[in-house]
Amino acid sequence: MYAIIEQGGKQYKVAEGERLDIELTEVKPDAKTIELNKVLLVSDGEKVKIGTPYLEGAKVIASFKTTAQEGVVKGKKLYPVHFRKRKSSKKRTGHRQKFLRVTIDKIQA
């Protein structure tokens, strides 16, 4: 069984027991799980349910480590470059995006 969800403007294909890095969202500090309600598609191998755009009543329950702060991981370092065609007008800055590492526990359709 797998599902396609939307989180943070991106779409992810998830299955139960899979580990996933999603965009960092607001969660309560003492929370252990998060519900992802924007489910686009659910498939159990034979039947496929497709939403328009989302499935009604479908959700994916995911858990993270002991607390939400410990579940935060940093992505790889990105270096955007601002460049203009004049002499000495180049600027390079670094950025690391933070993600929330979750484990998919249950897919409800």
PDB file of N, CA and C in Angstrom:
ATOM      1  N   MET A   1       0.843  -1.170   0.000  1.00  0.00           N
ATOM      2  CA  MET A   1       0.000   0.000   0.000  1.00  0.00           C
ATOM      3  C   MET A   1       0.889   1.233   0.000  1.00  0.00           C
ATOM      4  N   TYR A   2       0.579   2.202  -0.848  1.00  0.00           N
ATOM      5  CA  TYR A   2       1.331   3.442  -0.884  1.00  0.00           C
ATOM      6  C   TYR A   2       0.373   4.601  -1.115  1.00  0.00           C
ATOM      7  N   ALA A   3       0.873   5.795  -0.851  1.00  0.00           N
ATOM      8  CA  ALA A   3       0.081   7.005  -1.040  1.00  0.00           C
ATOM      9  C   ALA A   3       0.984   8.097  -1.589  1.00  0.00           C
ATOM     10  N   ILE A   4       0.367   9.064  -2.239  1.00  0.00           N
ATOM     11  CA  ILE A   4       1.071  10.252  -2.687  1.00  0.00           C
ATOM     12  C   ILE A   4       0.497  11.417  -1.905  1.00  0.00           C
ATOM     13  N   ILE A   5       1.370  12.128  -1.183  1.00  0.00           N
ATOM     14  CA  ILE A   5       0.932  13.230  -0.342  1.00  0.00           C
ATOM     15  C   ILE A   5       1.574  14.520  -0.812  1.00  0.00           C
ATOM     16  N   GLU A   6       0.989  15.623  -0.390  1.00  0.00           N
ATOM     17  CA  GLU A   6       1.557  16.935  -0.669  1.00  0.00           C
ATOM     18  C   GLU A   6       1.914  17.586   0.656  1.00  0.00           C
ATOM     19  N   GLN A   7       3.146  18.040   0.766  1.00  0.00           N
ATOM     20  CA  GLN A   7       3.609  18.691   1.995  1.00  0.00           C
ATOM     21  C   GLN A   7       4.624  19.758   1.624  1.00  0.00           C
ATOM     22  N   GLY A   8       4.382  20.974   2.007  1.00  0.00           N
ATOM     23  CA  GLY A   8       5.334  22.053   1.762  1.00  0.00           C
ATOM     24  C   GLY A   8       5.527  22.369   0.290  1.00  0.00           C
ATOM     25  N   GLY A   9       4.492  22.204  -0.534  1.00  0.00           N
ATOM     26  CA  GLY A   9       4.602  22.500  -1.952  1.00  0.00           C
ATOM     27  C   GLY A   9       5.254  21.402  -2.771  1.00  0.00           C
ATOM     28  N   LYS A  10       5.592  20.277  -2.144  1.00  0.00           N
ATOM     29  CA  LYS A  10       6.204  19.152  -2.848  1.00  0.00           C
ATOM     30  C   LYS A  10       5.320  17.927  -2.689  1.00  0.00           C
ATOM     31  N   GLN A  11       5.442  16.993  -3.615  1.00  0.00           N
ATOM     32  CA  GLN A  11       4.686  15.753  -3.552  1.00  0.00           C
ATOM     33  C   GLN A  11       5.641  14.602  -3.263  1.00  0.00           C
ATOM     34  N   TYR A  12       5.205  13.695  -2.378  1.00  0.00           N
ATOM     35  CA  TYR A  12       6.023  12.560  -1.974  1.00  0.00           C
ATOM     36  C   TYR A  12       5.227  11.270  -2.135  1.00  0.00           C
ATOM     37  N   LYS A  13       5.890  10.224  -2.600  1.00  0.00           N
ATOM     38  CA  LYS A  13       5.302   8.889  -2.628  1.00  0.00           C
ATOM     39  C   LYS A  13       5.775   8.183  -1.367  1.00  0.00           C
ATOM     40  N   VAL A  14       4.815   7.761  -0.512  1.00  0.00           N
ATOM     41  CA  VAL A  14       5.170   7.182   0.778  1.00  0.00           C
ATOM     42  C   VAL A  14       4.527   5.810   0.929  1.00  0.00           C
ATOM     43  N   ALA A  15       5.180   4.964   1.699  1.00  0.00           N
ATOM     44  CA  ALA A  15       4.662   3.651   2.069  1.00  0.00           C
ATOM     45  C   ALA A  15       4.868   3.484   3.570  1.00  0.00           C
ATOM     46  N   GLU A  16       4.149   2.562   4.167  1.00  0.00           N
ATOM     47  CA  GLU A  16       4.259   2.348   5.608  1.00  0.00           C
ATOM     48  C   GLU A  16       5.651   1.841   5.962  1.00  0.00           C
ATOM     49  N   GLY A  17       6.212   2.394   7.042  1.00  0.00           N
ATOM     50  CA  GLY A  17       7.538   2.007   7.494  1.00  0.00           C
ATOM     51  C   GLY A  17       8.668   2.771   6.835  1.00  0.00           C
ATOM     52  N   GLU A  18       8.357   3.634   5.895  1.00  0.00           N
ATOM     53  CA  GLU A  18       9.369   4.386   5.164  1.00  0.00           C
ATOM     54  C   GLU A  18       9.788   5.631   5.945  1.00  0.00           C
ATOM     55  N   ARG A  19      11.051   6.020   5.828  1.00  0.00           N
ATOM     56  CA  ARG A  19      11.559   7.218   6.476  1.00  0.00           C
ATOM     57  C   ARG A  19      11.665   8.331   5.437  1.00  0.00           C
ATOM     58  N   LEU A  20      11.282   9.545   5.821  1.00  0.00           N
ATOM     59  CA  LEU A  20      11.132  10.622   4.861  1.00  0.00           C
ATOM     60  C   LEU A  20      11.535  11.952   5.494  1.00  0.00           C
ATOM     61  N   ASP A  21      12.159  12.834   4.726  1.00  0.00           N
ATOM     62  CA  ASP A  21      12.472  14.186   5.167  1.00  0.00           C
ATOM     63  C   ASP A  21      11.499  15.141   4.493  1.00  0.00           C
ATOM     64  N   ILE A  22      10.664  15.810   5.308  1.00  0.00           N
ATOM     65  CA  ILE A  22       9.676  16.750   4.769  1.00  0.00           C
ATOM     66  C   ILE A  22      10.038  18.157   5.211  1.00  0.00           C
ATOM     67  N   GLU A  23       9.371  19.140   4.600  1.00  0.00           N
ATOM     68  CA  GLU A  23       9.585  20.524   4.978  1.00  0.00           C
ATOM     69  C   GLU A  23       9.252  20.713   6.452  1.00  0.00           C
ATOM     70  N   LEU A  24       9.996  21.558   7.109  1.00  0.00           N
ATOM     71  CA  LEU A  24       9.793  21.826   8.528  1.00  0.00           C
ATOM     72  C   LEU A  24       8.466  22.563   8.710  1.00  0.00           C
ATOM     73  N   THR A  25       7.600  22.034   9.566  1.00  0.00           N
ATOM     74  CA  THR A  25       6.294  22.635   9.824  1.00  0.00           C
ATOM     75  C   THR A  25       6.135  22.903  11.310  1.00  0.00           C
ATOM     76  N   GLU A  26       5.117  23.658  11.633  1.00  0.00           N
ATOM     77  CA  GLU A  26       4.825  23.959  13.029  1.00  0.00           C
ATOM     78  C   GLU A  26       4.224  22.728  13.701  1.00  0.00           C
ATOM     79  N   VAL A  27       4.864  22.247  14.756  1.00  0.00           N
ATOM     80  CA  VAL A  27       4.354  21.134  15.549  1.00  0.00           C
ATOM     81  C   VAL A  27       4.477  21.518  17.020  1.00  0.00           C
ATOM     82  N   LYS A  28       3.614  20.963  17.823  1.00  0.00           N
ATOM     83  CA  LYS A  28       3.693  21.223  19.256  1.00  0.00           C
ATOM     84  C   LYS A  28       4.988  20.608  19.797  1.00  0.00           C
ATOM     85  N   PRO A  29       5.593  21.235  20.805  1.00  0.00           N
ATOM     86  CA  PRO A  29       6.875  20.720  21.314  1.00  0.00           C
ATOM     87  C   PRO A  29       6.778  19.325  21.926  1.00  0.00           C
ATOM     88  N   ASP A  30       5.612  18.956  22.465  1.00  0.00           N
ATOM     89  CA  ASP A  30       5.486  17.644  23.104  1.00  0.00           C
ATOM     90  C   ASP A  30       4.817  16.610  22.197  1.00  0.00           C
ATOM     91  N   ALA A  31       4.603  16.931  20.934  1.00  0.00           N
ATOM     92  CA  ALA A  31       3.927  16.019  20.009  1.00  0.00           C
ATOM     93  C   ALA A  31       4.860  14.883  19.589  1.00  0.00           C
ATOM     94  N   LYS A  32       4.282  13.703  19.367  1.00  0.00           N
ATOM     95  CA  LYS A  32       5.043  12.532  18.914  1.00  0.00           C
ATOM     96  C   LYS A  32       4.713  12.169  17.465  1.00  0.00           C
ATOM     97  N   THR A  33       3.514  12.566  17.007  1.00  0.00           N
ATOM     98  CA  THR A  33       3.084  12.226  15.654  1.00  0.00           C
ATOM     99  C   THR A  33       2.593  13.481  14.940  1.00  0.00           C
ATOM    100  N   ILE A  34       2.473  13.358  13.635  1.00  0.00           N
ATOM    101  CA  ILE A  34       1.939  14.422  12.809  1.00  0.00           C
ATOM    102  C   ILE A  34       0.998  13.792  11.795  1.00  0.00           C
ATOM    103  N   GLU A  35      -0.130  14.452  11.517  1.00  0.00           N
ATOM    104  CA  GLU A  35      -1.086  13.966  10.526  1.00  0.00           C
ATOM    105  C   GLU A  35      -0.919  14.772   9.254  1.00  0.00           C
ATOM    106  N   LEU A  36      -0.758  14.092   8.145  1.00  0.00           N
ATOM    107  CA  LEU A  36      -0.633  14.726   6.838  1.00  0.00           C
ATOM    108  C   LEU A  36      -1.950  14.492   6.110  1.00  0.00           C
ATOM    109  N   ASN A  37      -2.755  15.553   5.969  1.00  0.00           N
ATOM    110  CA  ASN A  37      -4.110  15.421   5.446  1.00  0.00           C
ATOM    111  C   ASN A  37      -4.218  15.627   3.948  1.00  0.00           C
ATOM    112  N   LYS A  38      -3.213  16.168   3.316  1.00  0.00           N
ATOM    113  CA  LYS A  38      -3.280  16.429   1.883  1.00  0.00           C
ATOM    114  C   LYS A  38      -2.838  15.188   1.113  1.00  0.00           C
ATOM    115  N   VAL A  39      -3.742  14.228   0.999  1.00  0.00           N
ATOM    116  CA  VAL A  39      -3.466  12.963   0.313  1.00  0.00           C
ATOM    117  C   VAL A  39      -4.046  13.058  -1.090  1.00  0.00           C
ATOM    118  N   LEU A  40      -3.218  12.865  -2.097  1.00  0.00           N
ATOM    119  CA  LEU A  40      -3.640  12.971  -3.488  1.00  0.00           C
ATOM    120  C   LEU A  40      -4.088  11.633  -4.065  1.00  0.00           C
ATOM    121  N   LEU A  41      -3.443  10.541  -3.656  1.00  0.00           N
ATOM    122  CA  LEU A  41      -3.715   9.232  -4.231  1.00  0.00           C
ATOM    123  C   LEU A  41      -3.393   8.169  -3.199  1.00  0.00           C
ATOM    124  N   VAL A  42      -4.209   7.106  -3.179  1.00  0.00           N
ATOM    125  CA  VAL A  42      -3.952   5.945  -2.333  1.00  0.00           C
ATOM    126  C   VAL A  42      -4.127   4.700  -3.187  1.00  0.00           C
ATOM    127  N   SER A  43      -3.160   3.787  -3.110  1.00  0.00           N
ATOM    128  CA  SER A  43      -3.228   2.536  -3.858  1.00  0.00           C
ATOM    129  C   SER A  43      -2.889   1.385  -2.934  1.00  0.00           C
ATOM    130  N   ASP A  44      -3.678   0.303  -3.029  1.00  0.00           N
ATOM    131  CA  ASP A  44      -3.392  -0.884  -2.225  1.00  0.00           C
ATOM    132  C   ASP A  44      -2.941  -2.052  -3.094  1.00  0.00           C
ATOM    133  N   GLY A  45      -2.556  -1.793  -4.324  1.00  0.00           N
ATOM    134  CA  GLY A  45      -2.092  -2.836  -5.217  1.00  0.00           C
ATOM    135  C   GLY A  45      -3.121  -3.174  -6.283  1.00  0.00           C
ATOM    136  N   GLU A  46      -4.391  -3.232  -5.891  1.00  0.00           N
ATOM    137  CA  GLU A  46      -5.465  -3.523  -6.841  1.00  0.00           C
ATOM    138  C   GLU A  46      -6.327  -2.297  -7.096  1.00  0.00           C
ATOM    139  N   LYS A  47      -6.751  -1.634  -6.033  1.00  0.00           N
ATOM    140  CA  LYS A  47      -7.610  -0.463  -6.158  1.00  0.00           C
ATOM    141  C   LYS A  47      -6.771   0.804  -6.037  1.00  0.00           C
ATOM    142  N   VAL A  48      -7.138   1.797  -6.829  1.00  0.00           N
ATOM    143  CA  VAL A  48      -6.482   3.097  -6.780  1.00  0.00           C
ATOM    144  C   VAL A  48      -7.555   4.146  -6.560  1.00  0.00           C
ATOM    145  N   LYS A  49      -7.378   4.967  -5.518  1.00  0.00           N
ATOM    146  CA  LYS A  49      -8.296   6.071  -5.243  1.00  0.00           C
ATOM    147  C   LYS A  49      -7.567   7.362  -5.545  1.00  0.00           C
ATOM    148  N   ILE A  50      -8.175   8.187  -6.398  1.00  0.00           N
ATOM    149  CA  ILE A  50      -7.567   9.444  -6.807  1.00  0.00           C
ATOM    150  C   ILE A  50      -8.458  10.585  -6.341  1.00  0.00           C
ATOM    151  N   GLY A  51      -7.864  11.585  -5.716  1.00  0.00           N
ATOM    152  CA  GLY A  51      -8.613  12.731  -5.220  1.00  0.00           C
ATOM    153  C   GLY A  51      -8.723  13.829  -6.255  1.00  0.00           C
ATOM    154  N   THR A  52      -9.664  14.757  -6.012  1.00  0.00           N
ATOM    155  CA  THR A  52      -9.836  15.899  -6.909  1.00  0.00           C
ATOM    156  C   THR A  52      -9.843  17.191  -6.108  1.00  0.00           C
ATOM    157  N   PRO A  53      -8.824  17.808  -5.670  1.00  0.00           N
ATOM    158  CA  PRO A  53      -7.439  17.385  -5.738  1.00  0.00           C
ATOM    159  C   PRO A  53      -7.031  16.470  -4.585  1.00  0.00           C
ATOM    160  N   TYR A  54      -7.777  16.515  -3.450  1.00  0.00           N
ATOM    161  CA  TYR A  54      -7.414  15.684  -2.303  1.00  0.00           C
ATOM    162  C   TYR A  54      -8.509  14.675  -2.012  1.00  0.00           C
ATOM    163  N   LEU A  55      -8.132  13.560  -1.393  1.00  0.00           N
ATOM    164  CA  LEU A  55      -9.093  12.538  -0.989  1.00  0.00           C
ATOM    165  C   LEU A  55      -9.769  12.955   0.308  1.00  0.00           C
ATOM    166  N   GLU A  56     -11.090  12.805   0.353  1.00  0.00           N
ATOM    167  CA  GLU A  56     -11.850  13.137   1.551  1.00  0.00           C
ATOM    168  C   GLU A  56     -11.648  12.053   2.604  1.00  0.00           C
ATOM    169  N   GLY A  57     -11.296  12.439   3.811  1.00  0.00           N
ATOM    170  CA  GLY A  57     -11.158  11.496   4.913  1.00  0.00           C
ATOM    171  C   GLY A  57      -9.871  10.689   4.921  1.00  0.00           C
ATOM    172  N   ALA A  58      -9.027  10.884   3.952  1.00  0.00           N
ATOM    173  CA  ALA A  58      -7.763  10.139   3.908  1.00  0.00           C
ATOM    174  C   ALA A  58      -6.686  10.933   4.627  1.00  0.00           C
ATOM    175  N   LYS A  59      -5.819  10.221   5.341  1.00  0.00           N
ATOM    176  CA  LYS A  59      -4.704  10.877   6.011  1.00  0.00           C
ATOM    177  C   LYS A  59      -3.570   9.894   6.198  1.00  0.00           C
ATOM    178  N   VAL A  60      -2.390  10.451   6.366  1.00  0.00           N
ATOM    179  CA  VAL A  60      -1.191   9.667   6.619  1.00  0.00           C
ATOM    180  C   VAL A  60      -0.677  10.087   7.988  1.00  0.00           C
ATOM    181  N   ILE A  61      -0.462   9.117   8.863  1.00  0.00           N
ATOM    182  CA  ILE A  61       0.038   9.395  10.207  1.00  0.00           C
ATOM    183  C   ILE A  61       1.527   9.049  10.237  1.00  0.00           C
ATOM    184  N   ALA A  62       2.317  10.036  10.639  1.00  0.00           N
ATOM    185  CA  ALA A  62       3.768   9.858  10.685  1.00  0.00           C
ATOM    186  C   ALA A  62       4.268  10.225  12.079  1.00  0.00           C
ATOM    187  N   SER A  63       5.325   9.565  12.501  1.00  0.00           N
ATOM    188  CA  SER A  63       5.923   9.864  13.803  1.00  0.00           C
ATOM    189  C   SER A  63       7.364  10.281  13.599  1.00  0.00           C
ATOM    190  N   PHE A  64       7.889  11.017  14.572  1.00  0.00           N
ATOM    191  CA  PHE A  64       9.284  11.400  14.525  1.00  0.00           C
ATOM    192  C   PHE A  64       9.942  10.957  15.805  1.00  0.00           C
ATOM    193  N   LYS A  65      11.206  11.322  15.988  1.00  0.00           N
ATOM    194  CA  LYS A  65      11.954  10.859  17.155  1.00  0.00           C
ATOM    195  C   LYS A  65      11.265  11.288  18.439  1.00  0.00           C
ATOM    196  N   THR A  66      11.949  11.298  19.526  1.00  0.00           N
ATOM    197  CA  THR A  66      11.338  11.551  20.826  1.00  0.00           C
ATOM    198  C   THR A  66      10.638  12.904  20.895  1.00  0.00           C
ATOM    199  N   THR A  67      11.224  13.955  20.346  1.00  0.00           N
ATOM    200  CA  THR A  67      10.573  15.260  20.301  1.00  0.00           C
ATOM    201  C   THR A  67      10.731  15.841  18.909  1.00  0.00           C
ATOM    202  N   ALA A  68       9.967  16.898  18.651  1.00  0.00           N
ATOM    203  CA  ALA A  68      10.027  17.520  17.328  1.00  0.00           C
ATOM    204  C   ALA A  68      11.382  18.164  17.080  1.00  0.00           C
ATOM    205  N   GLN A  69      12.010  18.706  18.111  1.00  0.00           N
ATOM    206  CA  GLN A  69      13.317  19.347  17.938  1.00  0.00           C
ATOM    207  C   GLN A  69      14.399  18.342  17.582  1.00  0.00           C
ATOM    208  N   GLU A  70      14.328  17.117  18.118  1.00  0.00           N
ATOM    209  CA  GLU A  70      15.326  16.102  17.799  1.00  0.00           C
ATOM    210  C   GLU A  70      15.098  15.501  16.419  1.00  0.00           C
ATOM    211  N   GLY A  71      13.904  15.657  15.864  1.00  0.00           N
ATOM    212  CA  GLY A  71      13.617  15.146  14.537  1.00  0.00           C
ATOM    213  C   GLY A  71      14.069  16.067  13.425  1.00  0.00           C
ATOM    214  N   VAL A  72      14.568  17.264  13.769  1.00  0.00           N
ATOM    215  CA  VAL A  72      14.994  18.235  12.770  1.00  0.00           C
ATOM    216  C   VAL A  72      16.393  17.888  12.283  1.00  0.00           C
ATOM    217  N   VAL A  73      16.547  17.787  10.967  1.00  0.00           N
ATOM    218  CA  VAL A  73      17.853  17.533  10.355  1.00  0.00           C
ATOM    219  C   VAL A  73      18.124  18.630   9.333  1.00  0.00           C
ATOM    220  N   LYS A  74      19.394  18.825   9.027  1.00  0.00           N
ATOM    221  CA  LYS A  74      19.773  19.829   8.051  1.00  0.00           C
ATOM    222  C   LYS A  74      20.072  19.166   6.715  1.00  0.00           C
ATOM    223  N   GLY A  75      19.674  19.818   5.654  1.00  0.00           N
ATOM    224  CA  GLY A  75      19.948  19.328   4.316  1.00  0.00           C
ATOM    225  C   GLY A  75      21.353  19.690   3.889  1.00  0.00           C
ATOM    226  N   LYS A  76      21.669  19.411   2.634  1.00  0.00           N
ATOM    227  CA  LYS A  76      23.005  19.728   2.144  1.00  0.00           C
ATOM    228  C   LYS A  76      23.144  21.232   1.920  1.00  0.00           C
ATOM    229  N   LYS A  77      24.368  21.698   1.926  1.00  0.00           N
ATOM    230  CA  LYS A  77      24.647  23.119   1.790  1.00  0.00           C
ATOM    231  C   LYS A  77      24.456  23.546   0.336  1.00  0.00           C
ATOM    232  N   LEU A  78      23.700  24.625   0.145  1.00  0.00           N
ATOM    233  CA  LEU A  78      23.452  25.172  -1.182  1.00  0.00           C
ATOM    234  C   LEU A  78      24.143  26.524  -1.285  1.00  0.00           C
ATOM    235  N   TYR A  79      24.705  26.807  -2.449  1.00  0.00           N
ATOM    236  CA  TYR A  79      25.412  28.056  -2.664  1.00  0.00           C
ATOM    237  C   TYR A  79      24.783  28.813  -3.833  1.00  0.00           C
ATOM    238  N   PRO A  80      23.776  29.646  -3.580  1.00  0.00           N
ATOM    239  CA  PRO A  80      23.265  30.478  -4.667  1.00  0.00           C
ATOM    240  C   PRO A  80      24.260  31.596  -4.985  1.00  0.00           C
ATOM    241  N   VAL A  81      24.408  31.913  -6.267  1.00  0.00           N
ATOM    242  CA  VAL A  81      25.359  32.925  -6.697  1.00  0.00           C
ATOM    243  C   VAL A  81      24.584  34.046  -7.377  1.00  0.00           C
ATOM    244  N   HIS A  82      24.821  35.272  -6.914  1.00  0.00           N
ATOM    245  CA  HIS A  82      24.241  36.457  -7.536  1.00  0.00           C
ATOM    246  C   HIS A  82      25.317  37.058  -8.426  1.00  0.00           C
ATOM    247  N   PHE A  83      25.061  37.112  -9.718  1.00  0.00           N
ATOM    248  CA  PHE A  83      26.091  37.517 -10.667  1.00  0.00           C
ATOM    249  C   PHE A  83      25.544  38.566 -11.614  1.00  0.00           C
ATOM    250  N   ARG A  84      26.304  39.651 -11.779  1.00  0.00           N
ATOM    251  CA  ARG A  84      26.014  40.665 -12.785  1.00  0.00           C
ATOM    252  C   ARG A  84      27.241  40.809 -13.682  1.00  0.00           C
ATOM    253  N   LYS A  85      27.054  41.302 -14.857  1.00  0.00           N
ATOM    254  CA  LYS A  85      28.152  41.289 -15.831  1.00  0.00           C
ATOM    255  C   LYS A  85      29.163  42.430 -15.655  1.00  0.00           C
ATOM    256  N   ARG A  86      29.242  43.001 -14.480  1.00  0.00           N
ATOM    257  CA  ARG A  86      30.245  44.029 -14.206  1.00  0.00           C
ATOM    258  C   ARG A  86      31.420  43.401 -13.455  1.00  0.00           C
ATOM    259  N   LYS A  87      32.514  44.083 -13.448  1.00  0.00           N
ATOM    260  CA  LYS A  87      33.698  43.580 -12.757  1.00  0.00           C
ATOM    261  C   LYS A  87      33.472  43.612 -11.246  1.00  0.00           C
ATOM    262  N   SER A  88      33.849  42.545 -10.574  1.00  0.00           N
ATOM    263  CA  SER A  88      33.748  42.419  -9.112  1.00  0.00           C
ATOM    264  C   SER A  88      32.322  42.578  -8.604  1.00  0.00           C
ATOM    265  N   SER A  89      31.364  42.040  -9.299  1.00  0.00           N
ATOM    266  CA  SER A  89      29.976  42.148  -8.845  1.00  0.00           C
ATOM    267  C   SER A  89      29.364  40.758  -8.705  1.00  0.00           C
ATOM    268  N   LYS A  90      30.074  39.880  -8.014  1.00  0.00           N
ATOM    269  CA  LYS A  90      29.587  38.531  -7.777  1.00  0.00           C
ATOM    270  C   LYS A  90      29.447  38.335  -6.279  1.00  0.00           C
ATOM    271  N   LYS A  91      28.351  37.708  -5.857  1.00  0.00           N
ATOM    272  CA  LYS A  91      28.110  37.484  -4.437  1.00  0.00           C
ATOM    273  C   LYS A  91      27.701  36.033  -4.247  1.00  0.00           C
ATOM    274  N   ARG A  92      28.355  35.350  -3.338  1.00  0.00           N
ATOM    275  CA  ARG A  92      28.070  33.936  -3.079  1.00  0.00           C
ATOM    276  C   ARG A  92      27.674  33.785  -1.615  1.00  0.00           C
ATOM    277  N   THR A  93      26.504  33.229  -1.385  1.00  0.00           N
ATOM    278  CA  THR A  93      26.018  33.029  -0.019  1.00  0.00           C
ATOM    279  C   THR A  93      25.680  31.558   0.168  1.00  0.00           C
ATOM    280  N   GLY A  94      25.738  31.091   1.398  1.00  0.00           N
ATOM    281  CA  GLY A  94      25.433  29.696   1.697  1.00  0.00           C
ATOM    282  C   GLY A  94      24.135  29.570   2.471  1.00  0.00           C
ATOM    283  N   HIS A  95      23.480  28.415   2.337  1.00  0.00           N
ATOM    284  CA  HIS A  95      22.194  28.192   2.980  1.00  0.00           C
ATOM    285  C   HIS A  95      21.994  26.696   3.206  1.00  0.00           C
ATOM    286  N   ARG A  96      21.502  26.320   4.383  1.00  0.00           N
ATOM    287  CA  ARG A  96      21.151  24.926   4.668  1.00  0.00           C
ATOM    288  C   ARG A  96      19.707  24.879   5.114  1.00  0.00           C
ATOM    289  N   GLN A  97      18.888  24.164   4.373  1.00  0.00           N
ATOM    290  CA  GLN A  97      17.468  24.026   4.690  1.00  0.00           C
ATOM    291  C   GLN A  97      17.293  23.015   5.812  1.00  0.00           C
ATOM    292  N   LYS A  98      16.358  23.284   6.725  1.00  0.00           N
ATOM    293  CA  LYS A  98      16.043  22.345   7.789  1.00  0.00           C
ATOM    294  C   LYS A  98      14.842  21.513   7.396  1.00  0.00           C
ATOM    295  N   PHE A  99      14.898  20.215   7.703  1.00  0.00           N
ATOM    296  CA  PHE A  99      13.833  19.284   7.399  1.00  0.00           C
ATOM    297  C   PHE A  99      13.398  18.566   8.661  1.00  0.00           C
ATOM    298  N   LEU A 100      12.213  17.984   8.623  1.00  0.00           N
ATOM    299  CA  LEU A 100      11.713  17.165   9.717  1.00  0.00           C
ATOM    300  C   LEU A 100      11.750  15.715   9.247  1.00  0.00           C
ATOM    301  N   ARG A 101      12.517  14.871   9.907  1.00  0.00           N
ATOM    302  CA  ARG A 101      12.651  13.471   9.529  1.00  0.00           C
ATOM    303  C   ARG A 101      11.543  12.670  10.215  1.00  0.00           C
ATOM    304  N   VAL A 102      10.665  12.085   9.414  1.00  0.00           N
ATOM    305  CA  VAL A 102       9.520  11.346   9.941  1.00  0.00           C
ATOM    306  C   VAL A 102       9.545   9.912   9.440  1.00  0.00           C
ATOM    307  N   THR A 103       8.852   9.042  10.163  1.00  0.00           N
ATOM    308  CA  THR A 103       8.640   7.651   9.759  1.00  0.00           C
ATOM    309  C   THR A 103       7.143   7.468   9.543  1.00  0.00           C
ATOM    310  N   ILE A 104       6.761   6.929   8.402  1.00  0.00           N
ATOM    311  CA  ILE A 104       5.352   6.749   8.064  1.00  0.00           C
ATOM    312  C   ILE A 104       4.842   5.530   8.844  1.00  0.00           C
ATOM    313  N   ASP A 105       3.818   5.759   9.688  1.00  0.00           N
ATOM    314  CA  ASP A 105       3.256   4.686  10.509  1.00  0.00           C
ATOM    315  C   ASP A 105       2.025   4.052   9.879  1.00  0.00           C
ATOM    316  N   LYS A 106       1.111   4.881   9.385  1.00  0.00           N
ATOM    317  CA  LYS A 106      -0.180   4.354   8.954  1.00  0.00           C
ATOM    318  C   LYS A 106      -0.735   5.190   7.825  1.00  0.00           C
ATOM    319  N   ILE A 107      -1.341   4.528   6.851  1.00  0.00           N
ATOM    320  CA  ILE A 107      -2.033   5.206   5.749  1.00  0.00           C
ATOM    321  C   ILE A 107      -3.512   4.848   5.879  1.00  0.00           C
ATOM    322  N   GLN A 108      -4.345   5.867   6.109  1.00  0.00           N
ATOM    323  CA  GLN A 108      -5.789   5.636   6.246  1.00  0.00           C
ATOM    324  C   GLN A 108      -6.483   6.213   5.021  1.00  0.00           C
ATOM    325  N   ALA A 109      -7.301   5.398   4.374  1.00  0.00           N
ATOM    326  CA  ALA A 109      -8.022   5.870   3.192  1.00  0.00           C
ATOM    327  C   ALA A 109      -9.514   5.728   3.369  1.00  0.00           C
TER     328      ALA A 109
END
